[in-house]
Amino acid sequence: MYAIVRAGGRQEKVSVGDLISVDRVNAKPGETLTLKTLLVVDGDKITSDAKALEGVTVTAEVVEHNRGKKIEILRYKNKTGYRRRQGHRADLTDLKVLSIGAPKKAAAKKEEA
């Protein structure tokens, strides 16, 4: 079972136990977050309907805050002597996925059968 979630401005494919790095989240290490679910794949069953995904929760725990690799930016124009050098390191948060909750409607259908 895995899910596609929106985290840190990007979409990430996650399953239980995965560690992902996302843009900095305003939470302390050890706190839990709920991520917005866009798609859930459980074996052969794929759920992408917005109404069905309302009941799905993906819970993640904040492991630590860190910074990404340095990106070096160089702007250059030949024959003019124009050079600008800049560096950037993104602020990141490492998350560990704790659980992916099943859709409530799917769980209700399993109980009926």
PDB file of N, CA and C in Angstrom:
ATOM      1  N   MET A   1       0.855  -1.182   0.000  1.00  0.00           N
ATOM      2  CA  MET A   1       0.000   0.000   0.000  1.00  0.00           C
ATOM      3  C   MET A   1       0.891   1.232   0.000  1.00  0.00           C
ATOM      4  N   TYR A   2       0.572   2.182  -0.873  1.00  0.00           N
ATOM      5  CA  TYR A   2       1.281   3.451  -0.886  1.00  0.00           C
ATOM      6  C   TYR A   2       0.323   4.569  -1.237  1.00  0.00           C
ATOM      7  N   ALA A   3       0.775   5.795  -1.019  1.00  0.00           N
ATOM      8  CA  ALA A   3      -0.062   6.964  -1.275  1.00  0.00           C
ATOM      9  C   ALA A   3       0.780   8.057  -1.917  1.00  0.00           C
ATOM     10  N   ILE A   4       0.121   8.904  -2.684  1.00  0.00           N
ATOM     11  CA  ILE A   4       0.735  10.110  -3.210  1.00  0.00           C
ATOM     12  C   ILE A   4       0.176  11.259  -2.367  1.00  0.00           C
ATOM     13  N   VAL A   5       1.079  12.025  -1.735  1.00  0.00           N
ATOM     14  CA  VAL A   5       0.660  13.112  -0.852  1.00  0.00           C
ATOM     15  C   VAL A   5       1.271  14.423  -1.309  1.00  0.00           C
ATOM     16  N   ARG A   6       0.642  15.520  -0.923  1.00  0.00           N
ATOM     17  CA  ARG A   6       1.195  16.848  -1.179  1.00  0.00           C
ATOM     18  C   ARG A   6       1.946  17.254   0.078  1.00  0.00           C
ATOM     19  N   ALA A   7       3.247  17.466  -0.084  1.00  0.00           N
ATOM     20  CA  ALA A   7       4.080  17.821   1.069  1.00  0.00           C
ATOM     21  C   ALA A   7       5.150  18.796   0.610  1.00  0.00           C
ATOM     22  N   GLY A   8       5.198  19.942   1.242  1.00  0.00           N
ATOM     23  CA  GLY A   8       6.238  20.902   0.941  1.00  0.00           C
ATOM     24  C   GLY A   8       6.180  21.463  -0.464  1.00  0.00           C
ATOM     25  N   GLY A   9       4.985  21.610  -1.030  1.00  0.00           N
ATOM     26  CA  GLY A   9       4.854  22.173  -2.360  1.00  0.00           C
ATOM     27  C   GLY A   9       5.086  21.171  -3.478  1.00  0.00           C
ATOM     28  N   ARG A  10       5.347  19.925  -3.154  1.00  0.00           N
ATOM     29  CA  ARG A  10       5.578  18.886  -4.152  1.00  0.00           C
ATOM     30  C   ARG A  10       4.717  17.676  -3.832  1.00  0.00           C
ATOM     31  N   GLN A  11       4.657  16.761  -4.792  1.00  0.00           N
ATOM     32  CA  GLN A  11       3.968  15.504  -4.554  1.00  0.00           C
ATOM     33  C   GLN A  11       5.001  14.432  -4.269  1.00  0.00           C
ATOM     34  N   GLU A  12       4.737  13.621  -3.260  1.00  0.00           N
ATOM     35  CA  GLU A  12       5.663  12.573  -2.850  1.00  0.00           C
ATOM     36  C   GLU A  12       4.938  11.243  -2.801  1.00  0.00           C
ATOM     37  N   LYS A  13       5.602  10.181  -3.249  1.00  0.00           N
ATOM     38  CA  LYS A  13       5.074   8.819  -3.129  1.00  0.00           C
ATOM     39  C   LYS A  13       5.587   8.253  -1.812  1.00  0.00           C
ATOM     40  N   VAL A  14       4.675   7.862  -0.920  1.00  0.00           N
ATOM     41  CA  VAL A  14       5.072   7.392   0.405  1.00  0.00           C
ATOM     42  C   VAL A  14       4.378   6.083   0.745  1.00  0.00           C
ATOM     43  N   SER A  15       5.046   5.292   1.561  1.00  0.00           N
ATOM     44  CA  SER A  15       4.435   4.124   2.174  1.00  0.00           C
ATOM     45  C   SER A  15       4.856   4.132   3.641  1.00  0.00           C
ATOM     46  N   VAL A  16       4.280   3.272   4.436  1.00  0.00           N
ATOM     47  CA  VAL A  16       4.544   3.282   5.883  1.00  0.00           C
ATOM     48  C   VAL A  16       6.017   2.982   6.136  1.00  0.00           C
ATOM     49  N   GLY A  17       6.646   3.825   6.966  1.00  0.00           N
ATOM     50  CA  GLY A  17       8.045   3.646   7.318  1.00  0.00           C
ATOM     51  C   GLY A  17       9.014   4.458   6.469  1.00  0.00           C
ATOM     52  N   ASP A  18       8.547   5.108   5.412  1.00  0.00           N
ATOM     53  CA  ASP A  18       9.427   5.895   4.541  1.00  0.00           C
ATOM     54  C   ASP A  18       9.888   7.171   5.226  1.00  0.00           C
ATOM     55  N   LEU A  19      11.105   7.595   4.888  1.00  0.00           N
ATOM     56  CA  LEU A  19      11.641   8.882   5.315  1.00  0.00           C
ATOM     57  C   LEU A  19      11.656   9.795   4.097  1.00  0.00           C
ATOM     58  N   ILE A  20      11.038  10.972   4.205  1.00  0.00           N
ATOM     59  CA  ILE A  20      11.034  11.925   3.100  1.00  0.00           C
ATOM     60  C   ILE A  20      11.525  13.275   3.598  1.00  0.00           C
ATOM     61  N   SER A  21      12.129  14.034   2.687  1.00  0.00           N
ATOM     62  CA  SER A  21      12.562  15.394   2.996  1.00  0.00           C
ATOM     63  C   SER A  21      11.646  16.360   2.272  1.00  0.00           C
ATOM     64  N   VAL A  22      11.085  17.296   3.018  1.00  0.00           N
ATOM     65  CA  VAL A  22      10.187  18.295   2.444  1.00  0.00           C
ATOM     66  C   VAL A  22      10.677  19.678   2.865  1.00  0.00           C
ATOM     67  N   ASP A  23      10.123  20.718   2.253  1.00  0.00           N
ATOM     68  CA  ASP A  23      10.456  22.071   2.666  1.00  0.00           C
ATOM     69  C   ASP A  23      10.132  22.232   4.145  1.00  0.00           C
ATOM     70  N   ARG A  24      10.827  23.153   4.814  1.00  0.00           N
ATOM     71  CA  ARG A  24      10.728  23.325   6.255  1.00  0.00           C
ATOM     72  C   ARG A  24       9.279  23.436   6.717  1.00  0.00           C
ATOM     73  N   VAL A  25       8.945  22.640   7.725  1.00  0.00           N
ATOM     74  CA  VAL A  25       7.621  22.620   8.327  1.00  0.00           C
ATOM     75  C   VAL A  25       7.741  23.248   9.712  1.00  0.00           C
ATOM     76  N   ASN A  26       6.752  24.019  10.096  1.00  0.00           N
ATOM     77  CA  ASN A  26       6.782  24.712  11.375  1.00  0.00           C
ATOM     78  C   ASN A  26       6.291  23.775  12.482  1.00  0.00           C
ATOM     79  N   ALA A  27       7.101  22.776  12.817  1.00  0.00           N
ATOM     80  CA  ALA A  27       6.770  21.827  13.879  1.00  0.00           C
ATOM     81  C   ALA A  27       8.067  21.352  14.514  1.00  0.00           C
ATOM     82  N   LYS A  28       7.991  20.949  15.767  1.00  0.00           N
ATOM     83  CA  LYS A  28       9.172  20.498  16.488  1.00  0.00           C
ATOM     84  C   LYS A  28       9.391  19.000  16.251  1.00  0.00           C
ATOM     85  N   PRO A  29      10.642  18.531  16.346  1.00  0.00           N
ATOM     86  CA  PRO A  29      10.900  17.092  16.213  1.00  0.00           C
ATOM     87  C   PRO A  29      10.089  16.290  17.232  1.00  0.00           C
ATOM     88  N   GLY A  30       9.479  15.216  16.759  1.00  0.00           N
ATOM     89  CA  GLY A  30       8.632  14.380  17.609  1.00  0.00           C
ATOM     90  C   GLY A  30       7.151  14.642  17.411  1.00  0.00           C
ATOM     91  N   GLU A  31       6.786  15.803  16.858  1.00  0.00           N
ATOM     92  CA  GLU A  31       5.375  16.103  16.607  1.00  0.00           C
ATOM     93  C   GLU A  31       4.898  15.338  15.372  1.00  0.00           C
ATOM     94  N   THR A  32       3.582  15.132  15.292  1.00  0.00           N
ATOM     95  CA  THR A  32       3.006  14.440  14.139  1.00  0.00           C
ATOM     96  C   THR A  32       2.231  15.417  13.268  1.00  0.00           C
ATOM     97  N   LEU A  33       2.217  15.123  11.984  1.00  0.00           N
ATOM     98  CA  LEU A  33       1.514  15.941  11.001  1.00  0.00           C
ATOM     99  C   LEU A  33       0.593  15.062  10.187  1.00  0.00           C
ATOM    100  N   THR A  34      -0.450  15.665   9.631  1.00  0.00           N
ATOM    101  CA  THR A  34      -1.320  14.983   8.692  1.00  0.00           C
ATOM    102  C   THR A  34      -1.081  15.591   7.318  1.00  0.00           C
ATOM    103  N   LEU A  35      -0.756  14.745   6.348  1.00  0.00           N
ATOM    104  CA  LEU A  35      -0.459  15.204   4.997  1.00  0.00           C
ATOM    105  C   LEU A  35      -1.675  15.048   4.108  1.00  0.00           C
ATOM    106  N   LYS A  36      -1.849  15.963   3.147  1.00  0.00           N
ATOM    107  CA  LYS A  36      -2.980  15.912   2.233  1.00  0.00           C
ATOM    108  C   LYS A  36      -2.776  14.781   1.234  1.00  0.00           C
ATOM    109  N   THR A  37      -3.768  13.899   1.117  1.00  0.00           N
ATOM    110  CA  THR A  37      -3.679  12.724   0.262  1.00  0.00           C
ATOM    111  C   THR A  37      -4.288  13.018  -1.102  1.00  0.00           C
ATOM    112  N   LEU A  38      -3.560  12.654  -2.165  1.00  0.00           N
ATOM    113  CA  LEU A  38      -4.040  12.853  -3.524  1.00  0.00           C
ATOM    114  C   LEU A  38      -4.429  11.549  -4.203  1.00  0.00           C
ATOM    115  N   LEU A  39      -3.789  10.437  -3.804  1.00  0.00           N
ATOM    116  CA  LEU A  39      -4.043   9.139  -4.429  1.00  0.00           C
ATOM    117  C   LEU A  39      -3.631   8.047  -3.459  1.00  0.00           C
ATOM    118  N   VAL A  40      -4.382   6.953  -3.433  1.00  0.00           N
ATOM    119  CA  VAL A  40      -4.028   5.805  -2.600  1.00  0.00           C
ATOM    120  C   VAL A  40      -4.101   4.557  -3.461  1.00  0.00           C
ATOM    121  N   VAL A  41      -3.046   3.738  -3.399  1.00  0.00           N
ATOM    122  CA  VAL A  41      -3.008   2.468  -4.117  1.00  0.00           C
ATOM    123  C   VAL A  41      -2.880   1.367  -3.081  1.00  0.00           C
ATOM    124  N   ASP A  42      -3.873   0.470  -3.059  1.00  0.00           N
ATOM    125  CA  ASP A  42      -3.887  -0.649  -2.120  1.00  0.00           C
ATOM    126  C   ASP A  42      -4.055  -1.924  -2.931  1.00  0.00           C
ATOM    127  N   GLY A  43      -2.935  -2.530  -3.290  1.00  0.00           N
ATOM    128  CA  GLY A  43      -2.994  -3.725  -4.134  1.00  0.00           C
ATOM    129  C   GLY A  43      -3.464  -3.361  -5.538  1.00  0.00           C
ATOM    130  N   ASP A  44      -4.602  -3.919  -5.952  1.00  0.00           N
ATOM    131  CA  ASP A  44      -5.157  -3.618  -7.271  1.00  0.00           C
ATOM    132  C   ASP A  44      -6.128  -2.450  -7.230  1.00  0.00           C
ATOM    133  N   LYS A  45      -6.469  -1.980  -6.042  1.00  0.00           N
ATOM    134  CA  LYS A  45      -7.453  -0.912  -5.904  1.00  0.00           C
ATOM    135  C   LYS A  45      -6.771   0.455  -5.864  1.00  0.00           C
ATOM    136  N   ILE A  46      -7.192   1.347  -6.767  1.00  0.00           N
ATOM    137  CA  ILE A  46      -6.646   2.704  -6.836  1.00  0.00           C
ATOM    138  C   ILE A  46      -7.761   3.673  -6.494  1.00  0.00           C
ATOM    139  N   THR A  47      -7.519   4.543  -5.511  1.00  0.00           N
ATOM    140  CA  THR A  47      -8.501   5.538  -5.096  1.00  0.00           C
ATOM    141  C   THR A  47      -7.949   6.924  -5.384  1.00  0.00           C
ATOM    142  N   SER A  48      -8.663   7.669  -6.256  1.00  0.00           N
ATOM    143  CA  SER A  48      -8.221   9.030  -6.561  1.00  0.00           C
ATOM    144  C   SER A  48      -9.364  10.034  -6.465  1.00  0.00           C
ATOM    145  N   ASP A  49     -10.559   9.571  -6.154  1.00  0.00           N
ATOM    146  CA  ASP A  49     -11.717  10.454  -6.029  1.00  0.00           C
ATOM    147  C   ASP A  49     -11.586  11.317  -4.774  1.00  0.00           C
ATOM    148  N   ALA A  50     -11.812  12.620  -4.928  1.00  0.00           N
ATOM    149  CA  ALA A  50     -11.642  13.557  -3.816  1.00  0.00           C
ATOM    150  C   ALA A  50     -12.559  13.229  -2.641  1.00  0.00           C
ATOM    151  N   LYS A  51     -13.798  12.836  -2.934  1.00  0.00           N
ATOM    152  CA  LYS A  51     -14.736  12.515  -1.848  1.00  0.00           C
ATOM    153  C   LYS A  51     -14.299  11.265  -1.095  1.00  0.00           C
ATOM    154  N   ALA A  52     -13.798  10.280  -1.819  1.00  0.00           N
ATOM    155  CA  ALA A  52     -13.343   9.054  -1.164  1.00  0.00           C
ATOM    156  C   ALA A  52     -12.069   9.292  -0.358  1.00  0.00           C
ATOM    157  N   LEU A  53     -11.244  10.244  -0.796  1.00  0.00           N
ATOM    158  CA  LEU A  53      -9.982  10.514  -0.106  1.00  0.00           C
ATOM    159  C   LEU A  53     -10.139  11.393   1.126  1.00  0.00           C
ATOM    160  N   GLU A  54     -11.338  11.937   1.357  1.00  0.00           N
ATOM    161  CA  GLU A  54     -11.563  12.748   2.557  1.00  0.00           C
ATOM    162  C   GLU A  54     -11.347  11.932   3.820  1.00  0.00           C
ATOM    163  N   GLY A  55     -11.643  10.646   3.769  1.00  0.00           N
ATOM    164  CA  GLY A  55     -11.494   9.789   4.938  1.00  0.00           C
ATOM    165  C   GLY A  55     -10.103   9.209   5.103  1.00  0.00           C
ATOM    166  N   VAL A  56      -9.220   9.429   4.141  1.00  0.00           N
ATOM    167  CA  VAL A  56      -7.873   8.866   4.196  1.00  0.00           C
ATOM    168  C   VAL A  56      -6.937   9.846   4.894  1.00  0.00           C
ATOM    169  N   THR A  57      -6.187   9.357   5.850  1.00  0.00           N
ATOM    170  CA  THR A  57      -5.220  10.213   6.532  1.00  0.00           C
ATOM    171  C   THR A  57      -3.839   9.577   6.425  1.00  0.00           C
ATOM    172  N   VAL A  58      -2.865  10.390   6.081  1.00  0.00           N
ATOM    173  CA  VAL A  58      -1.469   9.966   6.080  1.00  0.00           C
ATOM    174  C   VAL A  58      -0.801  10.742   7.207  1.00  0.00           C
ATOM    175  N   THR A  59      -0.315  10.020   8.201  1.00  0.00           N
ATOM    176  CA  THR A  59       0.284  10.629   9.380  1.00  0.00           C
ATOM    177  C   THR A  59       1.795  10.471   9.313  1.00  0.00           C
ATOM    178  N   ALA A  60       2.506  11.584   9.578  1.00  0.00           N
ATOM    179  CA  ALA A  60       3.967  11.554   9.562  1.00  0.00           C
ATOM    180  C   ALA A  60       4.504  12.242  10.811  1.00  0.00           C
ATOM    181  N   GLU A  61       5.669  11.795  11.247  1.00  0.00           N
ATOM    182  CA  GLU A  61       6.328  12.361  12.422  1.00  0.00           C
ATOM    183  C   GLU A  61       7.548  13.155  11.973  1.00  0.00           C
ATOM    184  N   VAL A  62       7.749  14.324  12.585  1.00  0.00           N
ATOM    185  CA  VAL A  62       8.914  15.148  12.279  1.00  0.00           C
ATOM    186  C   VAL A  62      10.130  14.514  12.946  1.00  0.00           C
ATOM    187  N   VAL A  63      11.137  14.156  12.144  1.00  0.00           N
ATOM    188  CA  VAL A  63      12.344  13.532  12.671  1.00  0.00           C
ATOM    189  C   VAL A  63      13.365  14.602  13.037  1.00  0.00           C
ATOM    190  N   GLU A  64      13.704  15.476  12.071  1.00  0.00           N
ATOM    191  CA  GLU A  64      14.670  16.538  12.337  1.00  0.00           C
ATOM    192  C   GLU A  64      14.580  17.615  11.264  1.00  0.00           C
ATOM    193  N   HIS A  65      15.170  18.771  11.577  1.00  0.00           N
ATOM    194  CA  HIS A  65      15.288  19.862  10.619  1.00  0.00           C
ATOM    195  C   HIS A  65      16.747  19.921  10.176  1.00  0.00           C
ATOM    196  N   ASN A  66      16.965  20.135   8.881  1.00  0.00           N
ATOM    197  CA  ASN A  66      18.322  20.255   8.378  1.00  0.00           C
ATOM    198  C   ASN A  66      18.330  21.131   7.135  1.00  0.00           C
ATOM    199  N   ARG A  67      19.476  21.214   6.486  1.00  0.00           N
ATOM    200  CA  ARG A  67      19.604  22.022   5.280  1.00  0.00           C
ATOM    201  C   ARG A  67      20.079  21.135   4.143  1.00  0.00           C
ATOM    202  N   GLY A  68      19.638  21.462   2.931  1.00  0.00           N
ATOM    203  CA  GLY A  68      19.990  20.674   1.763  1.00  0.00           C
ATOM    204  C   GLY A  68      21.385  20.970   1.255  1.00  0.00           C
ATOM    205  N   LYS A  69      21.737  20.314   0.151  1.00  0.00           N
ATOM    206  CA  LYS A  69      23.031  20.551  -0.477  1.00  0.00           C
ATOM    207  C   LYS A  69      23.089  21.969  -1.012  1.00  0.00           C
ATOM    208  N   LYS A  70      24.296  22.513  -1.075  1.00  0.00           N
ATOM    209  CA  LYS A  70      24.466  23.870  -1.583  1.00  0.00           C
ATOM    210  C   LYS A  70      24.348  23.870  -3.102  1.00  0.00           C
ATOM    211  N   ILE A  71      23.550  24.804  -3.594  1.00  0.00           N
ATOM    212  CA  ILE A  71      23.392  25.004  -5.025  1.00  0.00           C
ATOM    213  C   ILE A  71      24.163  26.267  -5.378  1.00  0.00           C
ATOM    214  N   GLU A  72      25.082  26.154  -6.321  1.00  0.00           N
ATOM    215  CA  GLU A  72      25.857  27.313  -6.730  1.00  0.00           C
ATOM    216  C   GLU A  72      25.259  27.888  -8.009  1.00  0.00           C
ATOM    217  N   ILE A  73      25.028  29.192  -8.004  1.00  0.00           N
ATOM    218  CA  ILE A  73      24.412  29.885  -9.121  1.00  0.00           C
ATOM    219  C   ILE A  73      25.448  30.855  -9.679  1.00  0.00           C
ATOM    220  N   LEU A  74      25.721  30.765 -10.957  1.00  0.00           N
ATOM    221  CA  LEU A  74      26.682  31.648 -11.595  1.00  0.00           C
ATOM    222  C   LEU A  74      26.028  32.271 -12.817  1.00  0.00           C
ATOM    223  N   ARG A  75      25.966  33.584 -12.837  1.00  0.00           N
ATOM    224  CA  ARG A  75      25.457  34.312 -14.002  1.00  0.00           C
ATOM    225  C   ARG A  75      26.656  34.918 -14.715  1.00  0.00           C
ATOM    226  N   TYR A  76      26.708  34.753 -16.015  1.00  0.00           N
ATOM    227  CA  TYR A  76      27.886  35.170 -16.756  1.00  0.00           C
ATOM    228  C   TYR A  76      27.457  35.653 -18.135  1.00  0.00           C
ATOM    229  N   LYS A  77      28.036  36.765 -18.558  1.00  0.00           N
ATOM    230  CA  LYS A  77      27.848  37.243 -19.937  1.00  0.00           C
ATOM    231  C   LYS A  77      29.230  37.469 -20.522  1.00  0.00           C
ATOM    232  N   ASN A  78      29.476  36.829 -21.641  1.00  0.00           N
ATOM    233  CA  ASN A  78      30.818  36.933 -22.195  1.00  0.00           C
ATOM    234  C   ASN A  78      31.075  38.322 -22.802  1.00  0.00           C
ATOM    235  N   LYS A  79      32.326  38.664 -22.869  1.00  0.00           N
ATOM    236  CA  LYS A  79      32.833  39.900 -23.472  1.00  0.00           C
ATOM    237  C   LYS A  79      32.472  41.168 -22.707  1.00  0.00           C
ATOM    238  N   THR A  80      31.783  41.068 -21.575  1.00  0.00           N
ATOM    239  CA  THR A  80      31.388  42.274 -20.843  1.00  0.00           C
ATOM    240  C   THR A  80      31.961  42.332 -19.444  1.00  0.00           C
ATOM    241  N   GLY A  81      32.523  41.234 -18.964  1.00  0.00           N
ATOM    242  CA  GLY A  81      33.050  41.206 -17.603  1.00  0.00           C
ATOM    243  C   GLY A  81      31.971  41.044 -16.541  1.00  0.00           C
ATOM    244  N   TYR A  82      30.753  40.684 -16.958  1.00  0.00           N
ATOM    245  CA  TYR A  82      29.636  40.524 -16.001  1.00  0.00           C
ATOM    246  C   TYR A  82      29.659  39.121 -15.419  1.00  0.00           C
ATOM    247  N   ARG A  83      29.871  39.033 -14.098  1.00  0.00           N
ATOM    248  CA  ARG A  83      29.813  37.755 -13.393  1.00  0.00           C
ATOM    249  C   ARG A  83      29.134  37.975 -12.056  1.00  0.00           C
ATOM    250  N   ARG A  84      28.194  37.123 -11.711  1.00  0.00           N
ATOM    251  CA  ARG A  84      27.555  37.158 -10.397  1.00  0.00           C
ATOM    252  C   ARG A  84      27.520  35.722  -9.870  1.00  0.00           C
ATOM    253  N   ARG A  85      28.009  35.551  -8.663  1.00  0.00           N
ATOM    254  CA  ARG A  85      28.042  34.230  -8.064  1.00  0.00           C
ATOM    255  C   ARG A  85      27.193  34.247  -6.804  1.00  0.00           C
ATOM    256  N   GLN A  86      26.382  33.215  -6.642  1.00  0.00           N
ATOM    257  CA  GLN A  86      25.461  33.145  -5.522  1.00  0.00           C
ATOM    258  C   GLN A  86      25.313  31.692  -5.101  1.00  0.00           C
ATOM    259  N   GLY A  87      25.055  31.457  -3.831  1.00  0.00           N
ATOM    260  CA  GLY A  87      24.818  30.115  -3.335  1.00  0.00           C
ATOM    261  C   GLY A  87      23.486  30.052  -2.596  1.00  0.00           C
ATOM    262  N   HIS A  88      22.930  28.846  -2.501  1.00  0.00           N
ATOM    263  CA  HIS A  88      21.648  28.677  -1.820  1.00  0.00           C
ATOM    264  C   HIS A  88      21.597  27.291  -1.192  1.00  0.00           C
ATOM    265  N   ARG A  89      21.099  27.238   0.046  1.00  0.00           N
ATOM    266  CA  ARG A  89      20.831  25.964   0.709  1.00  0.00           C
ATOM    267  C   ARG A  89      19.404  26.001   1.226  1.00  0.00           C
ATOM    268  N   ALA A  90      18.595  25.032   0.821  1.00  0.00           N
ATOM    269  CA  ALA A  90      17.195  24.986   1.220  1.00  0.00           C
ATOM    270  C   ALA A  90      17.064  24.490   2.660  1.00  0.00           C
ATOM    271  N   ASP A  91      16.106  25.053   3.404  1.00  0.00           N
ATOM    272  CA  ASP A  91      15.765  24.567   4.734  1.00  0.00           C
ATOM    273  C   ASP A  91      14.806  23.398   4.565  1.00  0.00           C
ATOM    274  N   LEU A  92      15.159  22.237   5.113  1.00  0.00           N
ATOM    275  CA  LEU A  92      14.371  21.028   4.923  1.00  0.00           C
ATOM    276  C   LEU A  92      13.945  20.436   6.263  1.00  0.00           C
ATOM    277  N   THR A  93      12.917  19.603   6.204  1.00  0.00           N
ATOM    278  CA  THR A  93      12.459  18.836   7.351  1.00  0.00           C
ATOM    279  C   THR A  93      12.349  17.382   6.927  1.00  0.00           C
ATOM    280  N   ASP A  94      12.891  16.478   7.721  1.00  0.00           N
ATOM    281  CA  ASP A  94      12.773  15.043   7.464  1.00  0.00           C
ATOM    282  C   ASP A  94      11.535  14.523   8.182  1.00  0.00           C
ATOM    283  N   LEU A  95      10.688  13.806   7.434  1.00  0.00           N
ATOM    284  CA  LEU A  95       9.468  13.228   7.991  1.00  0.00           C
ATOM    285  C   LEU A  95       9.506  11.709   7.852  1.00  0.00           C
ATOM    286  N   LYS A  96       8.984  11.019   8.857  1.00  0.00           N
ATOM    287  CA  LYS A  96       8.829   9.571   8.792  1.00  0.00           C
ATOM    288  C   LYS A  96       7.344   9.257   8.756  1.00  0.00           C
ATOM    289  N   VAL A  97       6.917   8.514   7.749  1.00  0.00           N
ATOM    290  CA  VAL A  97       5.497   8.189   7.581  1.00  0.00           C
ATOM    291  C   VAL A  97       5.138   7.082   8.563  1.00  0.00           C
ATOM    292  N   LEU A  98       4.160   7.379   9.426  1.00  0.00           N
ATOM    293  CA  LEU A  98       3.749   6.432  10.457  1.00  0.00           C
ATOM    294  C   LEU A  98       2.605   5.532  10.011  1.00  0.00           C
ATOM    295  N   SER A  99       1.612   6.134   9.324  1.00  0.00           N
ATOM    296  CA  SER A  99       0.451   5.323   8.936  1.00  0.00           C
ATOM    297  C   SER A  99      -0.255   5.925   7.738  1.00  0.00           C
ATOM    298  N   ILE A 100      -0.920   5.049   7.008  1.00  0.00           N
ATOM    299  CA  ILE A 100      -1.805   5.460   5.917  1.00  0.00           C
ATOM    300  C   ILE A 100      -3.160   4.853   6.242  1.00  0.00           C
ATOM    301  N   GLY A 101      -4.125   5.715   6.573  1.00  0.00           N
ATOM    302  CA  GLY A 101      -5.449   5.238   6.948  1.00  0.00           C
ATOM    303  C   GLY A 101      -6.261   4.865   5.729  1.00  0.00           C
ATOM    304  N   ALA A 102      -7.060   3.825   5.848  1.00  0.00           N
ATOM    305  CA  ALA A 102      -7.907   3.375   4.741  1.00  0.00           C
ATOM    306  C   ALA A 102      -9.116   4.296   4.605  1.00  0.00           C
ATOM    307  N   PRO A 103      -9.662   4.428   3.397  1.00  0.00           N
ATOM    308  CA  PRO A 103     -10.868   5.241   3.213  1.00  0.00           C
ATOM    309  C   PRO A 103     -12.015   4.683   4.039  1.00  0.00           C
ATOM    310  N   LYS A 104     -12.805   5.580   4.617  1.00  0.00           N
ATOM    311  CA  LYS A 104     -13.932   5.150   5.453  1.00  0.00           C
ATOM    312  C   LYS A 104     -14.965   4.383   4.638  1.00  0.00           C
ATOM    313  N   LYS A 105     -15.242   4.832   3.413  1.00  0.00           N
ATOM    314  CA  LYS A 105     -16.237   4.157   2.585  1.00  0.00           C
ATOM    315  C   LYS A 105     -15.787   2.752   2.215  1.00  0.00           C
ATOM    316  N   ALA A 106     -14.510   2.582   1.912  1.00  0.00           N
ATOM    317  CA  ALA A 106     -13.993   1.262   1.563  1.00  0.00           C
ATOM    318  C   ALA A 106     -14.068   0.343   2.777  1.00  0.00           C
ATOM    319  N   ALA A 107     -13.769   0.881   3.955  1.00  0.00           N
ATOM    320  CA  ALA A 107     -13.841   0.074   5.170  1.00  0.00           C
ATOM    321  C   ALA A 107     -15.284  -0.346   5.445  1.00  0.00           C
ATOM    322  N   ALA A 108     -16.240   0.548   5.172  1.00  0.00           N
ATOM    323  CA  ALA A 108     -17.652   0.214   5.384  1.00  0.00           C
ATOM    324  C   ALA A 108     -18.092  -0.881   4.425  1.00  0.00           C
ATOM    325  N   LYS A 109     -17.608  -0.846   3.178  1.00  0.00           N
ATOM    326  CA  LYS A 109     -17.974  -1.867   2.196  1.00  0.00           C
ATOM    327  C   LYS A 109     -17.411  -3.233   2.604  1.00  0.00           C
ATOM    328  N   LYS A 110     -16.192  -3.269   3.173  1.00  0.00           N
ATOM    329  CA  LYS A 110     -15.603  -4.528   3.592  1.00  0.00           C
ATOM    330  C   LYS A 110     -16.402  -5.137   4.744  1.00  0.00           C
ATOM    331  N   GLU A 111     -16.917  -4.308   5.640  1.00  0.00           N
ATOM    332  CA  GLU A 111     -17.685  -4.807   6.775  1.00  0.00           C
ATOM    333  C   GLU A 111     -19.015  -5.401   6.314  1.00  0.00           C
ATOM    334  N   GLU A 112     -19.606  -4.807   5.256  1.00  0.00           N
ATOM    335  CA  GLU A 112     -20.886  -5.311   4.753  1.00  0.00           C
ATOM    336  C   GLU A 112     -20.726  -6.674   4.094  1.00  0.00           C
ATOM    337  N   ALA A 113     -19.621  -6.901   3.422  1.00  0.00           N
ATOM    338  CA  ALA A 113     -19.413  -8.156   2.657  1.00  0.00           C
ATOM    339  C   ALA A 113     -19.167  -9.349   3.524  1.00  0.00           C
TER     340      ALA A 113
END
